[in-house]
Amino acid sequence: MVTSPHVLKPVSITRVMGQVCLALIPGIAVYSWLIGPALLLQLGIASLTALAAEALLLKLRDKPVSPFLTDGSALVTAWLIALTFPPLSPWWLTATGVLFAIVIAKQLYGGLGQNPFNPAMVAFAACIVAFPALMSQWPAQGLSLSFGQQLEVVFGLAPRIDALTAATPLDAMKTALKMDGVHASVQDLLANQTLYGTFAGRGWEWVTSAYLLGGLFLLWRRVITWHVPVAFALGLVLVSGLCWSLNPARYADPLFHLFSGGAMLGAFFIATDPVSGCTTPRGKLIFGFGAGALAYLIRVFGAFPDGIAFAVLIMNLCAPVIDLFCQPAVFGKKKETP
């Protein structure tokens, strides 16, 4: 029998970031199997750019380079950018996104722990506004390119022809339902298993499931708490379920939205950012629910195919106010009565 007091060993940032990277590996493995080795190339480009930019900014700010460079935070940001950008996008687009995240969204605010917005999502939002065509060019279903051919596409040595690219299942459904003169229902579209697979996109269902597996690992290791992922899923399910129940021919069911796009990646790896999100338990629930609900509204009614990035950034703006009103009462202090 062990008696108190108990002294808990502090967990280092490097260890936490290392476990986040480890949790992303199942998703990376399935994603690479589905798309090809270009994803690994993008991860390498993003990682090298992030480390170089972090080192340069730390040097310019007269900060010690080694402790901050080895904490793993820059690598996590780089990996999230590589996983949310199209895998066959030009190398300079990935590098631009990473530079924007590290230089503008992180270091200019003071570095790790000072940034009010999720750096990876700032990079995604900036690039999809500045380069909407390139950020929408995803590999077509059944596309088979050798590693050499993928290298040529990424480094601009081969022409970017339309046959190489296509919309994601989420974007394809949104576009088809909004086309004038087309009266296809969601059920008719989902019948095309070549594109939509079993319920949320051929192959993408497995990628999302791998992210879910990694997220459960983070919960098991207590790197994150359950509040944000569960609230995010609940917000997404409730709003999508309401629209689906009112008009199932025009709106997909909640299962489609949970396993399409970046829902699981957003729920477990993006919205759970401890720096730019809420810190109180009730605040995390509100933050996660708001991000999930906004993500659905943006991806269905907005101009962008997936609303995870903008939903998280909007909730980042609200996080300080949410935590202000969700602070627990000070222990031993009685509520003042007028």
Protein backbone atom coordinates (compact mmCIF):
# COMPACT_ATOMS: atom_id res chain seq x y z
CA MET A 1 0.00 0.00 0.00
CA VAL A 2 1.37 3.40 -1.01
CA THR A 3 0.53 6.41 1.13
CA SER A 4 0.55 10.09 0.30
CA PRO A 5 2.07 12.50 -0.43
CA HIS A 6 2.59 11.56 -4.06
CA VAL A 7 5.10 13.48 -6.16
CA LEU A 8 4.39 13.31 -9.87
CA LYS A 9 7.30 13.51 -12.27
CA PRO A 10 6.89 16.50 -14.61
CA VAL A 11 6.29 15.59 -18.25
CA SER A 12 8.59 17.37 -20.67
CA ILE A 13 7.36 19.13 -23.81
CA THR A 14 9.67 16.93 -25.87
CA ARG A 15 8.01 13.79 -24.52
CA VAL A 16 4.52 15.13 -25.17
CA MET A 17 5.35 16.20 -28.74
CA GLY A 18 7.06 12.89 -29.37
CA GLN A 19 3.91 11.01 -28.37
CA VAL A 20 1.83 13.24 -30.66
CA CYS A 21 4.14 12.40 -33.57
CA LEU A 22 3.94 8.72 -32.63
CA ALA A 23 0.13 8.91 -32.62
CA LEU A 24 0.18 10.37 -36.14
CA ILE A 25 2.17 7.45 -37.57
CA PRO A 26 -0.85 5.13 -38.16
CA GLY A 27 -2.57 7.86 -40.18
CA ILE A 28 0.64 8.61 -42.08
CA ALA A 29 1.14 4.93 -42.89
CA VAL A 30 -2.39 4.43 -44.24
CA TYR A 31 -2.30 7.78 -46.06
CA SER A 32 1.00 6.87 -47.73
CA TRP A 33 -0.37 3.47 -48.74
CA LEU A 34 -3.40 5.18 -50.29
CA ILE A 35 -1.63 8.09 -52.02
CA GLY A 36 1.96 6.99 -52.44
CA PRO A 37 5.37 8.11 -51.15
CA ALA A 38 4.76 11.77 -52.06
CA LEU A 39 3.31 12.28 -48.57
CA LEU A 40 6.60 11.21 -46.98
CA LEU A 41 8.40 13.67 -49.25
CA GLN A 42 6.07 16.47 -48.11
CA LEU A 43 6.69 15.51 -44.49
CA GLY A 44 10.42 15.80 -45.10
CA ILE A 45 10.11 19.19 -46.81
CA ALA A 46 7.86 20.50 -44.04
CA SER A 47 10.12 19.19 -41.24
CA LEU A 48 13.34 20.64 -42.69
CA THR A 49 11.67 24.00 -43.38
CA ALA A 50 10.21 24.16 -39.87
CA LEU A 51 13.50 23.37 -38.14
CA ALA A 52 15.45 25.85 -40.29
CA ALA A 53 12.89 28.64 -39.75
CA GLU A 54 12.70 27.94 -36.00
CA ALA A 55 16.49 28.02 -35.66
CA LEU A 56 16.81 31.24 -37.65
CA LEU A 57 14.11 33.08 -35.68
CA LEU A 58 15.50 31.90 -32.35
CA LYS A 59 18.92 33.16 -33.37
CA LEU A 60 17.52 36.53 -34.42
CA ARG A 61 15.69 36.82 -31.09
CA ASP A 62 18.84 35.88 -29.12
CA LYS A 63 17.19 32.79 -27.71
CA PRO A 64 18.96 29.48 -27.06
CA VAL A 65 18.47 27.37 -30.18
CA SER A 66 19.00 23.83 -28.96
CA PRO A 67 16.35 23.61 -26.17
CA PHE A 68 13.57 25.06 -28.32
CA LEU A 69 14.62 23.30 -31.51
CA THR A 70 14.54 19.89 -29.85
CA ASP A 71 11.22 20.26 -28.02
CA GLY A 72 9.34 18.79 -31.00
CA SER A 73 6.74 21.53 -31.33
CA ALA A 74 8.01 22.70 -34.72
CA LEU A 75 7.91 19.12 -36.03
CA VAL A 76 4.31 18.63 -34.89
CA THR A 77 3.30 21.84 -36.69
CA ALA A 78 5.17 20.73 -39.82
CA TRP A 79 3.56 17.29 -39.82
CA LEU A 80 0.06 18.72 -39.40
CA ILE A 81 0.66 21.07 -42.34
CA ALA A 82 1.94 18.25 -44.53
CA LEU A 83 -1.07 16.10 -43.63
CA THR A 84 -3.61 18.83 -44.37
CA PHE A 85 -2.06 20.08 -47.62
CA PRO A 86 -2.59 18.14 -50.89
CA PRO A 87 0.18 15.50 -51.10
CA LEU A 88 1.09 16.40 -54.70
CA SER A 89 1.19 20.15 -54.08
CA PRO A 90 4.35 22.00 -55.22
CA TRP A 91 7.23 21.89 -52.74
CA TRP A 92 7.21 25.67 -52.40
CA LEU A 93 3.55 25.66 -51.30
CA THR A 94 4.32 23.34 -48.38
CA ALA A 95 7.42 25.39 -47.53
CA THR A 96 5.41 28.63 -47.67
CA GLY A 97 2.78 27.24 -45.33
CA VAL A 98 5.39 26.07 -42.83
CA LEU A 99 7.24 29.40 -42.93
CA PHE A 100 3.98 31.26 -42.33
CA ALA A 101 3.17 28.99 -39.37
CA ILE A 102 6.59 29.15 -37.70
CA VAL A 103 7.54 32.76 -38.44
CA ILE A 104 4.21 34.61 -38.36
CA ALA A 105 1.88 32.49 -36.23
CA LYS A 106 4.42 31.26 -33.67
CA GLN A 107 7.71 33.10 -33.31
CA LEU A 108 6.46 36.65 -33.90
CA TYR A 109 4.01 36.10 -31.02
CA GLY A 110 6.84 35.03 -28.72
CA GLY A 111 7.30 31.35 -29.47
CA LEU A 112 5.80 28.22 -27.96
CA GLY A 113 3.15 28.99 -25.37
CA GLN A 114 2.51 32.54 -26.58
CA ASN A 115 0.67 31.99 -29.88
CA PRO A 116 -3.08 32.73 -29.66
CA PHE A 117 -3.87 30.78 -32.84
CA ASN A 118 -3.04 27.25 -33.94
CA PRO A 119 0.01 27.77 -36.24
CA ALA A 120 -0.79 24.89 -38.59
CA MET A 121 -4.35 26.12 -39.12
CA VAL A 122 -3.16 29.69 -39.68
CA ALA A 123 -0.90 28.33 -42.44
CA PHE A 124 -3.74 26.31 -43.98
CA ALA A 125 -6.15 29.26 -43.91
CA ALA A 126 -3.57 31.63 -45.42
CA CYS A 127 -2.62 29.25 -48.22
CA ILE A 128 -6.17 28.22 -49.17
CA VAL A 129 -7.08 31.91 -49.48
CA ALA A 130 -3.91 32.81 -51.40
CA PHE A 131 -3.65 29.65 -53.54
CA PRO A 132 -7.18 28.15 -53.73
CA ALA A 133 -6.57 26.21 -56.96
CA LEU A 134 -3.40 24.49 -55.75
CA MET A 135 -4.93 23.73 -52.35
CA SER A 136 -7.81 21.93 -54.08
CA GLN A 137 -5.74 19.62 -56.30
CA TRP A 138 -5.95 16.21 -54.64
CA PRO A 139 -4.83 12.96 -56.35
CA ALA A 140 -7.52 11.36 -58.51
CA GLN A 141 -8.96 8.00 -57.49
CA GLY A 142 -6.97 5.11 -58.93
CA LEU A 143 -4.03 7.34 -59.84
CA SER A 144 -0.84 5.29 -59.95
CA LEU A 145 2.43 7.20 -60.15
CA SER A 146 5.90 5.92 -59.38
CA PHE A 147 7.99 7.70 -56.79
CA GLY A 148 10.02 9.30 -59.56
CA GLN A 149 6.89 10.64 -61.25
CA GLN A 150 5.60 12.00 -57.94
CA LEU A 151 8.95 13.70 -57.38
CA GLU A 152 8.66 15.37 -60.77
CA VAL A 153 5.16 16.67 -59.98
CA VAL A 154 6.12 17.99 -56.53
CA PHE A 155 9.28 19.73 -57.77
CA GLY A 156 7.65 21.14 -60.92
CA LEU A 157 9.58 18.96 -63.38
CA ALA A 158 6.36 17.56 -64.86
CA PRO A 159 3.22 19.47 -65.97
CA ARG A 160 0.31 19.54 -63.52
CA ILE A 161 -2.43 18.14 -65.77
CA ASP A 162 -6.07 17.81 -64.76
CA ALA A 163 -5.94 14.01 -65.05
CA LEU A 164 -3.69 13.91 -61.98
CA THR A 165 -6.08 15.74 -59.70
CA ALA A 166 -9.64 15.52 -58.46
CA ALA A 167 -11.84 16.77 -55.65
CA THR A 168 -12.02 14.99 -52.32
CA PRO A 169 -15.24 13.00 -51.64
CA LEU A 170 -16.41 15.78 -49.33
CA ASP A 171 -15.82 18.48 -51.95
CA ALA A 172 -17.27 16.32 -54.75
CA MET A 173 -20.53 15.82 -52.85
CA LYS A 174 -20.81 19.50 -51.97
CA THR A 175 -20.25 20.54 -55.59
CA ALA A 176 -22.67 17.96 -57.00
CA LEU A 177 -25.47 18.99 -54.64
CA LYS A 178 -25.04 22.68 -55.55
CA MET A 179 -24.88 22.28 -59.34
CA ASP A 180 -27.73 23.95 -61.22
CA GLY A 181 -29.97 21.55 -63.08
CA VAL A 182 -28.70 18.50 -61.18
CA HIS A 183 -31.24 16.83 -58.91
CA ALA A 184 -29.11 14.01 -57.52
CA SER A 185 -29.71 13.14 -53.87
CA VAL A 186 -27.12 12.21 -51.27
CA GLN A 187 -28.22 8.60 -51.55
CA ASP A 188 -27.65 8.63 -55.33
CA LEU A 189 -24.16 10.08 -54.88
CA LEU A 190 -23.15 7.64 -52.15
CA ALA A 191 -24.12 4.78 -54.46
CA ASN A 192 -20.95 5.55 -56.41
CA GLN A 193 -18.64 3.37 -54.31
CA THR A 194 -15.69 4.09 -56.61
CA LEU A 195 -15.55 7.58 -55.14
CA TYR A 196 -17.42 7.35 -51.84
CA GLY A 197 -16.48 3.84 -50.75
CA THR A 198 -18.58 2.32 -47.99
CA PHE A 199 -19.78 5.51 -46.32
CA ALA A 200 -17.32 8.41 -46.40
CA GLY A 201 -14.85 8.15 -49.27
CA ARG A 202 -12.96 5.26 -50.80
CA GLY A 203 -9.75 4.81 -48.83
CA TRP A 204 -10.26 7.99 -46.80
CA GLU A 205 -12.38 6.03 -44.33
CA TRP A 206 -9.27 4.04 -43.42
CA VAL A 207 -7.13 7.15 -43.09
CA THR A 208 -9.68 8.72 -40.74
CA SER A 209 -9.93 5.51 -38.74
CA ALA A 210 -6.14 5.53 -38.37
CA TYR A 211 -6.30 9.08 -37.01
CA LEU A 212 -8.98 7.90 -34.58
CA LEU A 213 -6.67 5.10 -33.44
CA GLY A 214 -3.88 7.62 -32.87
CA GLY A 215 -6.25 9.89 -30.97
CA LEU A 216 -7.27 7.04 -28.66
CA PHE A 217 -3.58 6.44 -28.02
CA LEU A 218 -3.21 10.07 -26.91
CA LEU A 219 -6.17 9.66 -24.57
CA TRP A 220 -4.69 6.45 -23.17
CA ARG A 221 -1.35 8.15 -22.59
CA ARG A 222 -3.18 11.15 -21.05
CA VAL A 223 -1.51 13.54 -23.45
CA ILE A 224 -4.97 15.02 -24.09
CA THR A 225 -8.24 14.84 -22.16
CA TRP A 226 -11.54 13.55 -23.51
CA HIS A 227 -13.33 16.90 -23.34
CA VAL A 228 -12.40 18.47 -26.70
CA PRO A 229 -12.58 15.34 -28.95
CA VAL A 230 -15.90 14.20 -27.52
CA ALA A 231 -17.42 17.69 -27.62
CA PHE A 232 -16.10 18.22 -31.16
CA ALA A 233 -17.70 14.97 -32.36
CA LEU A 234 -20.91 15.82 -30.50
CA GLY A 235 -21.14 19.27 -32.11
CA LEU A 236 -20.52 17.81 -35.56
CA VAL A 237 -23.00 14.96 -35.05
CA LEU A 238 -25.80 17.08 -33.57
CA VAL A 239 -25.76 19.78 -36.25
CA SER A 240 -25.28 17.33 -39.14
CA GLY A 241 -27.92 15.02 -37.64
CA LEU A 242 -30.41 17.88 -37.43
CA CYS A 243 -29.92 18.83 -41.10
CA TRP A 244 -29.98 15.17 -42.17
CA SER A 245 -33.24 14.52 -40.30
CA LEU A 246 -34.87 17.54 -41.92
CA ASN A 247 -33.75 16.75 -45.48
CA PRO A 248 -31.81 13.49 -45.95
CA ALA A 249 -31.77 13.94 -49.74
CA ARG A 250 -29.68 17.13 -49.49
CA TYR A 251 -27.60 16.54 -46.38
CA ALA A 252 -25.37 13.57 -45.61
CA ASP A 253 -25.73 11.63 -42.37
CA PRO A 254 -23.49 12.27 -39.33
CA LEU A 255 -21.37 9.17 -39.99
CA PHE A 256 -20.30 10.58 -43.38
CA HIS A 257 -19.19 13.84 -41.78
CA LEU A 258 -17.37 12.14 -38.91
CA PHE A 259 -15.26 10.03 -41.26
CA SER A 260 -14.76 12.46 -44.13
CA GLY A 261 -12.33 15.31 -44.51
CA GLY A 262 -10.21 16.17 -41.50
CA ALA A 263 -12.79 15.53 -38.78
CA MET A 264 -10.79 13.01 -36.71
CA LEU A 265 -7.50 14.79 -37.31
CA GLY A 266 -9.15 18.01 -36.17
CA ALA A 267 -10.83 16.48 -33.14
CA PHE A 268 -7.78 14.76 -31.66
CA PHE A 269 -4.72 16.59 -33.01
CA ILE A 270 -5.73 20.17 -33.91
CA ALA A 271 -8.55 21.34 -31.64
CA THR A 272 -6.72 19.85 -28.63
CA ASP A 273 -3.80 22.29 -28.92
CA PRO A 274 -3.23 23.29 -25.26
CA VAL A 275 -1.80 26.72 -26.13
CA SER A 276 -4.47 28.19 -28.40
CA GLY A 277 -7.45 26.34 -26.93
CA CYS A 278 -9.28 26.47 -23.61
CA THR A 279 -7.76 25.19 -20.38
CA THR A 280 -10.74 24.69 -18.06
CA PRO A 281 -12.82 21.48 -18.34
CA ARG A 282 -16.06 23.32 -19.10
CA GLY A 283 -14.20 25.64 -21.43
CA LYS A 284 -12.82 22.65 -23.37
CA LEU A 285 -16.33 21.27 -23.80
CA ILE A 286 -17.62 24.58 -25.16
CA PHE A 287 -14.54 25.00 -27.36
CA GLY A 288 -14.80 21.50 -28.83
CA PHE A 289 -18.55 21.69 -29.39
CA GLY A 290 -18.26 25.08 -31.08
CA ALA A 291 -15.42 23.89 -33.33
CA GLY A 292 -17.38 20.79 -34.40
CA ALA A 293 -20.57 22.70 -35.10
CA LEU A 294 -18.77 25.47 -37.00
CA ALA A 295 -16.79 22.93 -39.02
CA TYR A 296 -20.03 21.41 -40.30
CA LEU A 297 -21.62 24.78 -41.09
CA ILE A 298 -18.55 25.94 -43.02
CA ARG A 299 -18.03 22.70 -44.95
CA VAL A 300 -21.71 22.47 -45.96
CA PHE A 301 -22.81 26.09 -46.33
CA GLY A 302 -19.49 27.91 -46.75
CA ALA A 303 -17.19 28.38 -49.71
CA PHE A 304 -14.49 25.96 -48.56
CA PRO A 305 -14.65 22.15 -48.85
CA ASP A 306 -13.68 21.50 -45.23
CA GLY A 307 -14.19 23.90 -42.36
CA ILE A 308 -11.87 22.48 -39.70
CA ALA A 309 -9.18 25.16 -39.99
CA PHE A 310 -11.52 28.14 -39.93
CA ALA A 311 -13.68 26.62 -37.18
CA VAL A 312 -10.65 26.10 -34.93
CA LEU A 313 -9.33 29.61 -35.62
CA ILE A 314 -12.70 31.16 -34.78
CA MET A 315 -12.80 29.24 -31.51
CA ASN A 316 -9.19 30.30 -30.81
CA LEU A 317 -10.51 33.86 -30.82
CA CYS A 318 -13.19 32.91 -28.31
CA ALA A 319 -10.99 30.79 -26.03
CA PRO A 320 -9.90 33.55 -23.58
CA VAL A 321 -13.47 34.72 -23.05
CA ILE A 322 -14.75 31.14 -22.67
CA ASP A 323 -12.13 30.38 -20.02
CA LEU A 324 -12.91 33.67 -18.26
CA PHE A 325 -16.51 32.60 -17.66
CA CYS A 326 -15.66 28.94 -16.95
CA GLN A 327 -13.10 29.43 -14.20
CA PRO A 328 -13.95 27.24 -11.18
CA ALA A 329 -14.67 28.96 -7.91
CA VAL A 330 -11.71 29.54 -5.60
CA PHE A 331 -11.61 26.81 -2.96
CA GLY A 332 -13.04 28.03 0.33
CA LYS A 333 -14.45 31.26 -1.07
CA LYS A 334 -18.16 31.80 -0.55
CA LYS A 335 -20.34 33.31 -3.23
CA GLU A 336 -20.97 36.96 -2.47
CA THR A 337 -24.61 37.93 -2.02
CA PRO A 338 -25.89 41.44 -2.65
